[in-house]
Amino acid sequence: MSLRKASVLEMATAAYELDAAVKRGILQRVDGRLTIMGEDLDSVLQRFEGQEIVLIAASLTDDRPLDPRTCRTCGREYFGLECPHCRDARIRLRGR
């Protein structure tokens, strides 16, 4: 699996944990309406009507390489959403 795809799926997992609406599937236009896996996007987004939201769409088939990031805490380069070294240290120090 590409690093980009893994990062997108990690972001989706974080959204699930926040009880956000997360849908995975092929985006298609059916009878002039956008659907994901046969579900109309209006029905997916209806529960957020009247609220300020952030809508993120990311392709799982995009194969562009990710640029490494530099951790602001330890200075190491890493790929993904957070530094794995600092994440492991946080988990270890919290006793989990």
PDB file of N, CA and C in Angstrom:
ATOM      1  N   MET A   1       0.844  -1.170   0.000  1.00  0.00           N
ATOM      2  CA  MET A   1       0.000   0.000   0.000  1.00  0.00           C
ATOM      3  C   MET A   1       0.894   1.239   0.000  1.00  0.00           C
ATOM      4  N   SER A   2       0.493   2.234  -0.766  1.00  0.00           N
ATOM      5  CA  SER A   2       1.293   3.450  -0.833  1.00  0.00           C
ATOM      6  C   SER A   2       1.173   4.237   0.467  1.00  0.00           C
ATOM      7  N   LEU A   3       2.186   5.063   0.728  1.00  0.00           N
ATOM      8  CA  LEU A   3       2.158   5.904   1.924  1.00  0.00           C
ATOM      9  C   LEU A   3       0.992   6.884   1.873  1.00  0.00           C
ATOM     10  N   ARG A   4       0.700   7.389   0.686  1.00  0.00           N
ATOM     11  CA  ARG A   4      -0.413   8.335   0.535  1.00  0.00           C
ATOM     12  C   ARG A   4      -1.728   7.655   0.912  1.00  0.00           C
ATOM     13  N   LYS A   5      -1.963   6.466   0.397  1.00  0.00           N
ATOM     14  CA  LYS A   5      -3.194   5.742   0.693  1.00  0.00           C
ATOM     15  C   LYS A   5      -3.281   5.420   2.183  1.00  0.00           C
ATOM     16  N   ALA A   6      -2.172   5.004   2.762  1.00  0.00           N
ATOM     17  CA  ALA A   6      -2.149   4.698   4.193  1.00  0.00           C
ATOM     18  C   ALA A   6      -2.463   5.949   5.013  1.00  0.00           C
ATOM     19  N   SER A   7      -1.943   7.094   4.602  1.00  0.00           N
ATOM     20  CA  SER A   7      -2.206   8.344   5.320  1.00  0.00           C
ATOM     21  C   SER A   7      -3.672   8.748   5.204  1.00  0.00           C
ATOM     22  N   VAL A   8      -4.251   8.560   4.031  1.00  0.00           N
ATOM     23  CA  VAL A   8      -5.665   8.882   3.838  1.00  0.00           C
ATOM     24  C   VAL A   8      -6.532   7.983   4.727  1.00  0.00           C
ATOM     25  N   LEU A   9      -6.211   6.695   4.769  1.00  0.00           N
ATOM     26  CA  LEU A   9      -6.991   5.775   5.601  1.00  0.00           C
ATOM     27  C   LEU A   9      -6.802   6.070   7.090  1.00  0.00           C
ATOM     28  N   GLU A  10      -5.607   6.519   7.470  1.00  0.00           N
ATOM     29  CA  GLU A  10      -5.365   6.908   8.858  1.00  0.00           C
ATOM     30  C   GLU A  10      -6.202   8.139   9.210  1.00  0.00           C
ATOM     31  N   MET A  11      -6.308   9.074   8.279  1.00  0.00           N
ATOM     32  CA  MET A  11      -7.123  10.257   8.488  1.00  0.00           C
ATOM     33  C   MET A  11      -8.601   9.867   8.612  1.00  0.00           C
ATOM     34  N   ALA A  12      -9.044   8.919   7.801  1.00  0.00           N
ATOM     35  CA  ALA A  12     -10.428   8.447   7.877  1.00  0.00           C
ATOM     36  C   ALA A  12     -10.704   7.783   9.220  1.00  0.00           C
ATOM     37  N   THR A  13      -9.739   7.019   9.727  1.00  0.00           N
ATOM     38  CA  THR A  13      -9.893   6.383  11.030  1.00  0.00           C
ATOM     39  C   THR A  13     -10.038   7.434  12.125  1.00  0.00           C
ATOM     40  N   ALA A  14      -9.243   8.489  12.053  1.00  0.00           N
ATOM     41  CA  ALA A  14      -9.345   9.572  13.031  1.00  0.00           C
ATOM     42  C   ALA A  14     -10.723  10.230  12.947  1.00  0.00           C
ATOM     43  N   ALA A  15     -11.256  10.380  11.746  1.00  0.00           N
ATOM     44  CA  ALA A  15     -12.585  10.973  11.575  1.00  0.00           C
ATOM     45  C   ALA A  15     -13.665  10.073  12.174  1.00  0.00           C
ATOM     46  N   TYR A  16     -13.546   8.754  11.977  1.00  0.00           N
ATOM     47  CA  TYR A  16     -14.490   7.821  12.595  1.00  0.00           C
ATOM     48  C   TYR A  16     -14.506   8.000  14.108  1.00  0.00           C
ATOM     49  N   GLU A  17     -13.332   8.137  14.697  1.00  0.00           N
ATOM     50  CA  GLU A  17     -13.220   8.280  16.144  1.00  0.00           C
ATOM     51  C   GLU A  17     -13.863   9.566  16.643  1.00  0.00           C
ATOM     52  N   LEU A  18     -13.996  10.565  15.774  1.00  0.00           N
ATOM     53  CA  LEU A  18     -14.665  11.823  16.119  1.00  0.00           C
ATOM     54  C   LEU A  18     -16.158  11.774  15.792  1.00  0.00           C
ATOM     55  N   ASP A  19     -16.652  10.593  15.414  1.00  0.00           N
ATOM     56  CA  ASP A  19     -18.048  10.396  15.030  1.00  0.00           C
ATOM     57  C   ASP A  19     -18.419  11.257  13.822  1.00  0.00           C
ATOM     58  N   ALA A  20     -17.483  11.407  12.904  1.00  0.00           N
ATOM     59  CA  ALA A  20     -17.730  12.152  11.671  1.00  0.00           C
ATOM     60  C   ALA A  20     -18.333  11.207  10.633  1.00  0.00           C
ATOM     61  N   ALA A  21     -18.931  11.768   9.608  1.00  0.00           N
ATOM     62  CA  ALA A  21     -19.474  10.973   8.506  1.00  0.00           C
ATOM     63  C   ALA A  21     -18.323  10.630   7.564  1.00  0.00           C
ATOM     64  N   VAL A  22     -18.001   9.368   7.457  1.00  0.00           N
ATOM     65  CA  VAL A  22     -16.918   8.911   6.596  1.00  0.00           C
ATOM     66  C   VAL A  22     -17.492   7.897   5.612  1.00  0.00           C
ATOM     67  N   LYS A  23     -17.282   8.121   4.345  1.00  0.00           N
ATOM     68  CA  LYS A  23     -17.747   7.199   3.308  1.00  0.00           C
ATOM     69  C   LYS A  23     -16.568   6.832   2.425  1.00  0.00           C
ATOM     70  N   ARG A  24     -16.504   5.570   2.053  1.00  0.00           N
ATOM     71  CA  ARG A  24     -15.450   5.101   1.162  1.00  0.00           C
ATOM     72  C   ARG A  24     -16.101   4.375   0.007  1.00  0.00           C
ATOM     73  N   GLY A  25     -15.703   4.714  -1.194  1.00  0.00           N
ATOM     74  CA  GLY A  25     -16.247   4.074  -2.375  1.00  0.00           C
ATOM     75  C   GLY A  25     -16.006   4.921  -3.604  1.00  0.00           C
ATOM     76  N   ILE A  26     -16.569   4.487  -4.685  1.00  0.00           N
ATOM     77  CA  ILE A  26     -16.423   5.186  -5.965  1.00  0.00           C
ATOM     78  C   ILE A  26     -17.454   6.310  -6.029  1.00  0.00           C
ATOM     79  N   LEU A  27     -16.988   7.536  -6.287  1.00  0.00           N
ATOM     80  CA  LEU A  27     -17.868   8.684  -6.448  1.00  0.00           C
ATOM     81  C   LEU A  27     -18.420   8.651  -7.871  1.00  0.00           C
ATOM     82  N   GLN A  28     -19.752   8.630  -7.982  1.00  0.00           N
ATOM     83  CA  GLN A  28     -20.399   8.563  -9.291  1.00  0.00           C
ATOM     84  C   GLN A  28     -21.543   9.557  -9.359  1.00  0.00           C
ATOM     85  N   ARG A  29     -21.893   9.932 -10.575  1.00  0.00           N
ATOM     86  CA  ARG A  29     -23.061  10.777 -10.791  1.00  0.00           C
ATOM     87  C   ARG A  29     -24.163   9.887 -11.358  1.00  0.00           C
ATOM     88  N   VAL A  30     -25.270   9.807 -10.627  1.00  0.00           N
ATOM     89  CA  VAL A  30     -26.416   8.993 -11.043  1.00  0.00           C
ATOM     90  C   VAL A  30     -27.625   9.913 -11.124  1.00  0.00           C
ATOM     91  N   ASP A  31     -28.215   9.999 -12.303  1.00  0.00           N
ATOM     92  CA  ASP A  31     -29.374  10.875 -12.524  1.00  0.00           C
ATOM     93  C   ASP A  31     -29.103  12.307 -12.062  1.00  0.00           C
ATOM     94  N   GLY A  32     -27.880  12.790 -12.296  1.00  0.00           N
ATOM     95  CA  GLY A  32     -27.521  14.153 -11.961  1.00  0.00           C
ATOM     96  C   GLY A  32     -27.135  14.369 -10.509  1.00  0.00           C
ATOM     97  N   ARG A  33     -27.146  13.319  -9.689  1.00  0.00           N
ATOM     98  CA  ARG A  33     -26.805  13.439  -8.266  1.00  0.00           C
ATOM     99  C   ARG A  33     -25.539  12.651  -7.984  1.00  0.00           C
ATOM    100  N   LEU A  34     -24.688  13.190  -7.089  1.00  0.00           N
ATOM    101  CA  LEU A  34     -23.467  12.492  -6.721  1.00  0.00           C
ATOM    102  C   LEU A  34     -23.766  11.421  -5.669  1.00  0.00           C
ATOM    103  N   THR A  35     -23.217  10.233  -5.892  1.00  0.00           N
ATOM    104  CA  THR A  35     -23.420   9.120  -4.962  1.00  0.00           C
ATOM    105  C   THR A  35     -22.075   8.456  -4.664  1.00  0.00           C
ATOM    106  N   ILE A  36     -21.998   7.826  -3.494  1.00  0.00           N
ATOM    107  CA  ILE A  36     -20.863   6.983  -3.129  1.00  0.00           C
ATOM    108  C   ILE A  36     -21.443   5.638  -2.749  1.00  0.00           C
ATOM    109  N   MET A  37     -21.056   4.618  -3.479  1.00  0.00           N
ATOM    110  CA  MET A  37     -21.543   3.254  -3.244  1.00  0.00           C
ATOM    111  C   MET A  37     -23.076   3.223  -3.209  1.00  0.00           C
ATOM    112  N   GLY A  38     -23.704   3.977  -4.104  1.00  0.00           N
ATOM    113  CA  GLY A  38     -25.155   3.999  -4.226  1.00  0.00           C
ATOM    114  C   GLY A  38     -25.876   4.900  -3.240  1.00  0.00           C
ATOM    115  N   GLU A  39     -25.155   5.511  -2.297  1.00  0.00           N
ATOM    116  CA  GLU A  39     -25.789   6.397  -1.316  1.00  0.00           C
ATOM    117  C   GLU A  39     -25.614   7.846  -1.751  1.00  0.00           C
ATOM    118  N   ASP A  40     -26.730   8.557  -1.800  1.00  0.00           N
ATOM    119  CA  ASP A  40     -26.739   9.953  -2.224  1.00  0.00           C
ATOM    120  C   ASP A  40     -25.973  10.809  -1.227  1.00  0.00           C
ATOM    121  N   LEU A  41     -25.092  11.683  -1.725  1.00  0.00           N
ATOM    122  CA  LEU A  41     -24.308  12.549  -0.842  1.00  0.00           C
ATOM    123  C   LEU A  41     -25.184  13.481  -0.017  1.00  0.00           C
ATOM    124  N   ASP A  42     -26.336  13.884  -0.551  1.00  0.00           N
ATOM    125  CA  ASP A  42     -27.241  14.729   0.235  1.00  0.00           C
ATOM    126  C   ASP A  42     -27.647  14.031   1.529  1.00  0.00           C
ATOM    127  N   SER A  43     -27.924  12.747   1.463  1.00  0.00           N
ATOM    128  CA  SER A  43     -28.335  12.023   2.668  1.00  0.00           C
ATOM    129  C   SER A  43     -27.171  11.868   3.644  1.00  0.00           C
ATOM    130  N   VAL A  44     -25.954  11.755   3.125  1.00  0.00           N
ATOM    131  CA  VAL A  44     -24.775  11.643   3.985  1.00  0.00           C
ATOM    132  C   VAL A  44     -24.547  12.955   4.744  1.00  0.00           C
ATOM    133  N   LEU A  45     -24.710  14.078   4.045  1.00  0.00           N
ATOM    134  CA  LEU A  45     -24.403  15.387   4.622  1.00  0.00           C
ATOM    135  C   LEU A  45     -25.592  16.034   5.340  1.00  0.00           C
ATOM    136  N   GLN A  46     -26.768  15.454   5.230  1.00  0.00           N
ATOM    137  CA  GLN A  46     -27.972  16.048   5.801  1.00  0.00           C
ATOM    138  C   GLN A  46     -27.864  16.273   7.313  1.00  0.00           C
ATOM    139  N   ARG A  47     -27.199  15.378   8.033  1.00  0.00           N
ATOM    140  CA  ARG A  47     -27.118  15.526   9.490  1.00  0.00           C
ATOM    141  C   ARG A  47     -26.286  16.740   9.918  1.00  0.00           C
ATOM    142  N   PHE A  48     -25.529  17.332   8.972  1.00  0.00           N
ATOM    143  CA  PHE A  48     -24.703  18.491   9.276  1.00  0.00           C
ATOM    144  C   PHE A  48     -25.318  19.810   8.803  1.00  0.00           C
ATOM    145  N   GLU A  49     -26.535  19.746   8.297  1.00  0.00           N
ATOM    146  CA  GLU A  49     -27.166  20.944   7.748  1.00  0.00           C
ATOM    147  C   GLU A  49     -27.255  22.039   8.814  1.00  0.00           C
ATOM    148  N   GLY A  50     -26.868  23.248   8.437  1.00  0.00           N
ATOM    149  CA  GLY A  50     -26.903  24.384   9.341  1.00  0.00           C
ATOM    150  C   GLY A  50     -25.670  24.522  10.225  1.00  0.00           C
ATOM    151  N   GLN A  51     -24.713  23.599  10.083  1.00  0.00           N
ATOM    152  CA  GLN A  51     -23.492  23.636  10.878  1.00  0.00           C
ATOM    153  C   GLN A  51     -22.309  23.984   9.990  1.00  0.00           C
ATOM    154  N   GLU A  52     -21.290  24.565  10.588  1.00  0.00           N
ATOM    155  CA  GLU A  52     -20.049  24.794   9.860  1.00  0.00           C
ATOM    156  C   GLU A  52     -19.303  23.465   9.794  1.00  0.00           C
ATOM    157  N   ILE A  53     -18.892  23.053   8.597  1.00  0.00           N
ATOM    158  CA  ILE A  53     -18.218  21.759   8.442  1.00  0.00           C
ATOM    159  C   ILE A  53     -16.938  21.899   7.639  1.00  0.00           C
ATOM    160  N   VAL A  54     -16.128  20.860   7.686  1.00  0.00           N
ATOM    161  CA  VAL A  54     -14.968  20.708   6.820  1.00  0.00           C
ATOM    162  C   VAL A  54     -15.226  19.454   6.002  1.00  0.00           C
ATOM    163  N   LEU A  55     -15.162  19.555   4.708  1.00  0.00           N
ATOM    164  CA  LEU A  55     -15.377  18.415   3.825  1.00  0.00           C
ATOM    165  C   LEU A  55     -14.045  18.082   3.164  1.00  0.00           C
ATOM    166  N   ILE A  56     -13.574  16.856   3.369  1.00  0.00           N
ATOM    167  CA  ILE A  56     -12.296  16.415   2.816  1.00  0.00           C
ATOM    168  C   ILE A  56     -12.561  15.268   1.857  1.00  0.00           C
ATOM    169  N   ALA A  57     -12.075  15.396   0.655  1.00  0.00           N
ATOM    170  CA  ALA A  57     -12.160  14.319  -0.316  1.00  0.00           C
ATOM    171  C   ALA A  57     -10.734  13.982  -0.740  1.00  0.00           C
ATOM    172  N   ALA A  58     -10.363  12.712  -0.617  1.00  0.00           N
ATOM    173  CA  ALA A  58      -9.016  12.282  -0.972  1.00  0.00           C
ATOM    174  C   ALA A  58      -9.102  10.998  -1.782  1.00  0.00           C
ATOM    175  N   SER A  59      -8.363  10.930  -2.858  1.00  0.00           N
ATOM    176  CA  SER A  59      -8.362   9.753  -3.718  1.00  0.00           C
ATOM    177  C   SER A  59      -7.455   8.670  -3.149  1.00  0.00           C
ATOM    178  N   LEU A  60      -7.959   7.446  -3.115  1.00  0.00           N
ATOM    179  CA  LEU A  60      -7.142   6.308  -2.682  1.00  0.00           C
ATOM    180  C   LEU A  60      -6.331   5.729  -3.834  1.00  0.00           C
ATOM    181  N   THR A  61      -6.561   6.215  -5.048  1.00  0.00           N
ATOM    182  CA  THR A  61      -5.811   5.706  -6.200  1.00  0.00           C
ATOM    183  C   THR A  61      -4.699   6.650  -6.639  1.00  0.00           C
ATOM    184  N   ASP A  62      -4.529   7.767  -5.940  1.00  0.00           N
ATOM    185  CA  ASP A  62      -3.473   8.723  -6.250  1.00  0.00           C
ATOM    186  C   ASP A  62      -2.133   8.131  -5.796  1.00  0.00           C
ATOM    187  N   ASP A  63      -1.217   7.933  -6.719  1.00  0.00           N
ATOM    188  CA  ASP A  63       0.063   7.295  -6.417  1.00  0.00           C
ATOM    189  C   ASP A  63       1.234   8.265  -6.296  1.00  0.00           C
ATOM    190  N   ARG A  64       0.950   9.563  -6.222  1.00  0.00           N
ATOM    191  CA  ARG A  64       2.047  10.519  -6.061  1.00  0.00           C
ATOM    192  C   ARG A  64       2.761  10.247  -4.743  1.00  0.00           C
ATOM    193  N   PRO A  65       4.087  10.337  -4.737  1.00  0.00           N
ATOM    194  CA  PRO A  65       4.807  10.093  -3.479  1.00  0.00           C
ATOM    195  C   PRO A  65       4.594  11.241  -2.490  1.00  0.00           C
ATOM    196  N   LEU A  66       4.615  10.898  -1.211  1.00  0.00           N
ATOM    197  CA  LEU A  66       4.510  11.911  -0.166  1.00  0.00           C
ATOM    198  C   LEU A  66       5.879  12.505   0.114  1.00  0.00           C
ATOM    199  N   ASP A  67       5.905  13.774   0.387  1.00  0.00           N
ATOM    200  CA  ASP A  67       7.145  14.415   0.818  1.00  0.00           C
ATOM    201  C   ASP A  67       7.319  14.144   2.305  1.00  0.00           C
ATOM    202  N   PRO A  68       8.550  13.879   2.727  1.00  0.00           N
ATOM    203  CA  PRO A  68       8.760  13.663   4.166  1.00  0.00           C
ATOM    204  C   PRO A  68       8.519  14.950   4.933  1.00  0.00           C
ATOM    205  N   ARG A  69       8.043  14.805   6.165  1.00  0.00           N
ATOM    206  CA  ARG A  69       7.826  15.933   7.047  1.00  0.00           C
ATOM    207  C   ARG A  69       8.877  15.894   8.143  1.00  0.00           C
ATOM    208  N   THR A  70       9.150  17.024   8.752  1.00  0.00           N
ATOM    209  CA  THR A  70      10.098  17.093   9.861  1.00  0.00           C
ATOM    210  C   THR A  70       9.319  17.348  11.144  1.00  0.00           C
ATOM    211  N   CYS A  71       9.544  16.498  12.130  1.00  0.00           N
ATOM    212  CA  CYS A  71       8.866  16.617  13.419  1.00  0.00           C
ATOM    213  C   CYS A  71       9.360  17.869  14.143  1.00  0.00           C
ATOM    214  N   ARG A  72       8.430  18.680  14.621  1.00  0.00           N
ATOM    215  CA  ARG A  72       8.798  19.903  15.339  1.00  0.00           C
ATOM    216  C   ARG A  72       9.266  19.608  16.763  1.00  0.00           C
ATOM    217  N   THR A  73       9.045  18.384  17.232  1.00  0.00           N
ATOM    218  CA  THR A  73       9.446  18.027  18.589  1.00  0.00           C
ATOM    219  C   THR A  73      10.835  17.412  18.615  1.00  0.00           C
ATOM    220  N   CYS A  74      11.040  16.347  17.788  1.00  0.00           N
ATOM    221  CA  CYS A  74      12.313  15.613  17.859  1.00  0.00           C
ATOM    222  C   CYS A  74      13.229  15.881  16.674  1.00  0.00           C
ATOM    223  N   GLY A  75      12.722  16.500  15.603  1.00  0.00           N
ATOM    224  CA  GLY A  75      13.550  16.833  14.454  1.00  0.00           C
ATOM    225  C   GLY A  75      13.708  15.719  13.432  1.00  0.00           C
ATOM    226  N   ARG A  76      13.118  14.553  13.679  1.00  0.00           N
ATOM    227  CA  ARG A  76      13.234  13.439  12.730  1.00  0.00           C
ATOM    228  C   ARG A  76      12.304  13.651  11.540  1.00  0.00           C
ATOM    229  N   GLU A  77      12.703  13.088  10.402  1.00  0.00           N
ATOM    230  CA  GLU A  77      11.821  13.091   9.237  1.00  0.00           C
ATOM    231  C   GLU A  77      10.891  11.890   9.335  1.00  0.00           C
ATOM    232  N   TYR A  78       9.639  12.058   8.869  1.00  0.00           N
ATOM    233  CA  TYR A  78       8.663  10.976   8.899  1.00  0.00           C
ATOM    234  C   TYR A  78       7.660  11.165   7.770  1.00  0.00           C
ATOM    235  N   PHE A  79       6.893  10.132   7.506  1.00  0.00           N
ATOM    236  CA  PHE A  79       5.801  10.181   6.536  1.00  0.00           C
ATOM    237  C   PHE A  79       4.511   9.936   7.298  1.00  0.00           C
ATOM    238  N   GLY A  80       3.428  10.552   6.862  1.00  0.00           N
ATOM    239  CA  GLY A  80       2.140  10.322   7.510  1.00  0.00           C
ATOM    240  C   GLY A  80       1.678  11.531   8.289  1.00  0.00           C
ATOM    241  N   LEU A  81       0.718  11.281   9.202  1.00  0.00           N
ATOM    242  CA  LEU A  81       0.087  12.369   9.934  1.00  0.00           C
ATOM    243  C   LEU A  81       0.842  12.808  11.171  1.00  0.00           C
ATOM    244  N   GLU A  82       1.588  11.870  11.800  1.00  0.00           N
ATOM    245  CA  GLU A  82       2.334  12.237  13.003  1.00  0.00           C
ATOM    246  C   GLU A  82       3.636  11.461  13.066  1.00  0.00           C
ATOM    247  N   CYS A  83       4.570  11.978  13.817  1.00  0.00           N
ATOM    248  CA  CYS A  83       5.884  11.360  13.967  1.00  0.00           C
ATOM    249  C   CYS A  83       5.727  10.039  14.731  1.00  0.00           C
ATOM    250  N   PRO A  84       6.109   8.920  14.132  1.00  0.00           N
ATOM    251  CA  PRO A  84       5.945   7.632  14.825  1.00  0.00           C
ATOM    252  C   PRO A  84       6.826   7.520  16.067  1.00  0.00           C
ATOM    253  N   HIS A  85       7.991   8.146  16.056  1.00  0.00           N
ATOM    254  CA  HIS A  85       8.870   8.098  17.224  1.00  0.00           C
ATOM    255  C   HIS A  85       8.217   8.808  18.421  1.00  0.00           C
ATOM    256  N   CYS A  86       7.709  10.002  18.194  1.00  0.00           N
ATOM    257  CA  CYS A  86       7.074  10.760  19.276  1.00  0.00           C
ATOM    258  C   CYS A  86       5.756  10.111  19.701  1.00  0.00           C
ATOM    259  N   ARG A  87       5.010   9.548  18.748  1.00  0.00           N
ATOM    260  CA  ARG A  87       3.775   8.836  19.091  1.00  0.00           C
ATOM    261  C   ARG A  87       4.082   7.658  20.008  1.00  0.00           C
ATOM    262  N   ASP A  88       5.108   6.859  19.660  1.00  0.00           N
ATOM    263  CA  ASP A  88       5.487   5.716  20.497  1.00  0.00           C
ATOM    264  C   ASP A  88       5.945   6.176  21.881  1.00  0.00           C
ATOM    265  N   ALA A  89       6.691   7.284  21.937  1.00  0.00           N
ATOM    266  CA  ALA A  89       7.155   7.810  23.224  1.00  0.00           C
ATOM    267  C   ALA A  89       5.968   8.264  24.075  1.00  0.00           C
ATOM    268  N   ARG A  90       4.978   8.931  23.460  1.00  0.00           N
ATOM    269  CA  ARG A  90       3.789   9.356  24.205  1.00  0.00           C
ATOM    270  C   ARG A  90       3.046   8.157  24.778  1.00  0.00           C
ATOM    271  N   ILE A  91       2.870   7.130  23.964  1.00  0.00           N
ATOM    272  CA  ILE A  91       2.168   5.924  24.413  1.00  0.00           C
ATOM    273  C   ILE A  91       2.941   5.266  25.555  1.00  0.00           C
ATOM    274  N   ARG A  92       4.239   5.152  25.400  1.00  0.00           N
ATOM    275  CA  ARG A  92       5.073   4.521  26.422  1.00  0.00           C
ATOM    276  C   ARG A  92       5.040   5.309  27.724  1.00  0.00           C
ATOM    277  N   LEU A  93       5.142   6.630  27.652  1.00  0.00           N
ATOM    278  CA  LEU A  93       5.157   7.466  28.857  1.00  0.00           C
ATOM    279  C   LEU A  93       3.801   7.525  29.556  1.00  0.00           C
ATOM    280  N   ARG A  94       2.735   7.311  28.793  1.00  0.00           N
ATOM    281  CA  ARG A  94       1.401   7.300  29.400  1.00  0.00           C
ATOM    282  C   ARG A  94       1.033   5.935  29.968  1.00  0.00           C
ATOM    283  N   GLY A  95       1.940   4.966  29.787  1.00  0.00           N
ATOM    284  CA  GLY A  95       1.736   3.657  30.379  1.00  0.00           C
ATOM    285  C   GLY A  95       0.741   2.776  29.654  1.00  0.00           C
ATOM    286  N   ARG A  96       0.632   2.949  28.364  1.00  0.00           N
ATOM    287  CA  ARG A  96      -0.320   2.129  27.598  1.00  0.00           C
ATOM    288  C   ARG A  96       0.405   1.097  26.789  1.00  0.00           C
TER     289      ARG A  96
END
